[in-house]
Amino acid sequence: MRIAPFYYDPPTAATPPATRPPRAPYHDNSDCPEGQRVRASGHWRPYEPTRVADTRVRCPVCLALDKLSS
């Protein structure tokens, strides 16, 4: 099931720059377990890119779930 896209956004003060993950993929399938963990953590943002530099890849689990349901 498709939902509004969102991605992991770690709290910068609590996460040292060296340990921050690379640009996190966005999630848009409500059945994705990784996306559910991101939502439960409370550290997420809506994915609404306005510049090319803001673009992200789509979560591979979300992609696979969509292929299974088609």
C-alpha atoms as a PDB file:
ATOM      1  CA  MET A   1       0.000   0.000   0.000  1.00  0.00           C
ATOM      2  CA  ARG A   2       1.440   3.362  -1.029  1.00  0.00           C
ATOM      3  CA  ILE A   3       1.804   6.110   1.587  1.00  0.00           C
ATOM      4  CA  ALA A   4       3.331   9.580   1.514  1.00  0.00           C
ATOM      5  CA  PRO A   5       7.107   9.168   1.029  1.00  0.00           C
ATOM      6  CA  PHE A   6       9.404   9.814   3.996  1.00  0.00           C
ATOM      7  CA  TYR A   7      12.995   9.112   5.017  1.00  0.00           C
ATOM      8  CA  TYR A   8      15.211   8.682   8.069  1.00  0.00           C
ATOM      9  CA  ASP A   9      16.499  11.941   9.511  1.00  0.00           C
ATOM     10  CA  PRO A  10      18.880  11.296  12.423  1.00  0.00           C
ATOM     11  CA  PRO A  11      19.047  13.859  15.205  1.00  0.00           C
ATOM     12  CA  THR A  12      22.254  15.720  14.315  1.00  0.00           C
ATOM     13  CA  ALA A  13      23.157  16.750  17.860  1.00  0.00           C
ATOM     14  CA  ALA A  14      23.025  13.162  19.113  1.00  0.00           C
ATOM     15  CA  THR A  15      24.761  11.601  16.103  1.00  0.00           C
ATOM     16  CA  PRO A  16      28.413  12.454  15.399  1.00  0.00           C
ATOM     17  CA  PRO A  17      29.075  13.266  11.713  1.00  0.00           C
ATOM     18  CA  ALA A  18      31.370  10.251  11.254  1.00  0.00           C
ATOM     19  CA  THR A  19      28.618   7.812  12.277  1.00  0.00           C
ATOM     20  CA  ARG A  20      25.713   9.377  10.380  1.00  0.00           C
ATOM     21  CA  PRO A  21      24.367   7.113   7.665  1.00  0.00           C
ATOM     22  CA  PRO A  22      24.748   8.156   4.017  1.00  0.00           C
ATOM     23  CA  ARG A  23      21.732   9.698   2.358  1.00  0.00           C
ATOM     24  CA  ALA A  24      18.939   7.395   3.512  1.00  0.00           C
ATOM     25  CA  PRO A  25      16.505   6.004   0.942  1.00  0.00           C
ATOM     26  CA  TYR A  26      12.881   7.050   1.073  1.00  0.00           C
ATOM     27  CA  HIS A  27      10.019   4.740   2.016  1.00  0.00           C
ATOM     28  CA  ASP A  28       6.543   4.778   0.512  1.00  0.00           C
ATOM     29  CA  ASN A  29       5.096   1.325   1.240  1.00  0.00           C
ATOM     30  CA  SER A  30       3.272   0.928   4.555  1.00  0.00           C
ATOM     31  CA  ASP A  31       4.194  -2.781   4.739  1.00  0.00           C
ATOM     32  CA  CYS A  32       7.958  -2.131   4.675  1.00  0.00           C
ATOM     33  CA  PRO A  33       9.459  -3.232   8.021  1.00  0.00           C
ATOM     34  CA  GLU A  34      12.378  -0.798   7.656  1.00  0.00           C
ATOM     35  CA  GLY A  35       9.976   2.068   6.974  1.00  0.00           C
ATOM     36  CA  GLN A  36       7.905   1.043   9.995  1.00  0.00           C
ATOM     37  CA  ARG A  37      11.062   1.217  12.176  1.00  0.00           C
ATOM     38  CA  VAL A  38      11.860   4.673  10.814  1.00  0.00           C
ATOM     39  CA  ARG A  39       8.350   5.877  11.612  1.00  0.00           C
ATOM     40  CA  ALA A  40       8.455   4.359  15.110  1.00  0.00           C
ATOM     41  CA  SER A  41      11.797   6.034  15.847  1.00  0.00           C
ATOM     42  CA  GLY A  42      10.260   9.459  15.358  1.00  0.00           C
ATOM     43  CA  HIS A  43      13.324  10.581  13.371  1.00  0.00           C
ATOM     44  CA  TRP A  44      11.866  11.000   9.921  1.00  0.00           C
ATOM     45  CA  ARG A  45      10.924  13.693   7.465  1.00  0.00           C
ATOM     46  CA  PRO A  46       8.546  13.845   4.537  1.00  0.00           C
ATOM     47  CA  TYR A  47      10.317  13.307   1.228  1.00  0.00           C
ATOM     48  CA  GLU A  48       9.576  16.382  -0.873  1.00  0.00           C
ATOM     49  CA  PRO A  49      12.692  17.136  -2.933  1.00  0.00           C
ATOM     50  CA  THR A  50      12.864  20.571  -4.489  1.00  0.00           C
ATOM     51  CA  ARG A  51      16.443  20.322  -5.807  1.00  0.00           C
ATOM     52  CA  VAL A  52      18.408  17.582  -7.536  1.00  0.00           C
ATOM     53  CA  ALA A  53      20.753  17.560  -4.518  1.00  0.00           C
ATOM     54  CA  ASP A  54      17.795  16.512  -2.338  1.00  0.00           C
ATOM     55  CA  THR A  55      16.892  13.430  -4.364  1.00  0.00           C
ATOM     56  CA  ARG A  56      17.147   9.986  -2.787  1.00  0.00           C
ATOM     57  CA  VAL A  57      16.830   6.428  -3.988  1.00  0.00           C
ATOM     58  CA  ARG A  58      13.715   4.471  -3.155  1.00  0.00           C
ATOM     59  CA  CYS A  59      13.945   1.808  -0.447  1.00  0.00           C
ATOM     60  CA  PRO A  60      14.648  -1.604  -2.065  1.00  0.00           C
ATOM     61  CA  VAL A  61      12.217  -3.313   0.338  1.00  0.00           C
ATOM     62  CA  CYS A  62       9.431  -0.930  -0.720  1.00  0.00           C
ATOM     63  CA  LEU A  63      10.260  -1.696  -4.370  1.00  0.00           C
ATOM     64  CA  ALA A  64      10.149  -5.455  -3.766  1.00  0.00           C
ATOM     65  CA  LEU A  65       6.834  -5.210  -1.912  1.00  0.00           C
ATOM     66  CA  ASP A  66       5.298  -3.313  -4.829  1.00  0.00           C
ATOM     67  CA  LYS A  67       6.523  -5.974  -7.278  1.00  0.00           C
ATOM     68  CA  LEU A  68       4.975  -8.727  -5.126  1.00  0.00           C
ATOM     69  CA  SER A  69       1.609  -7.014  -5.066  1.00  0.00           C
ATOM     70  CA  SER A  70       1.426  -6.395  -8.821  1.00  0.00           C
END
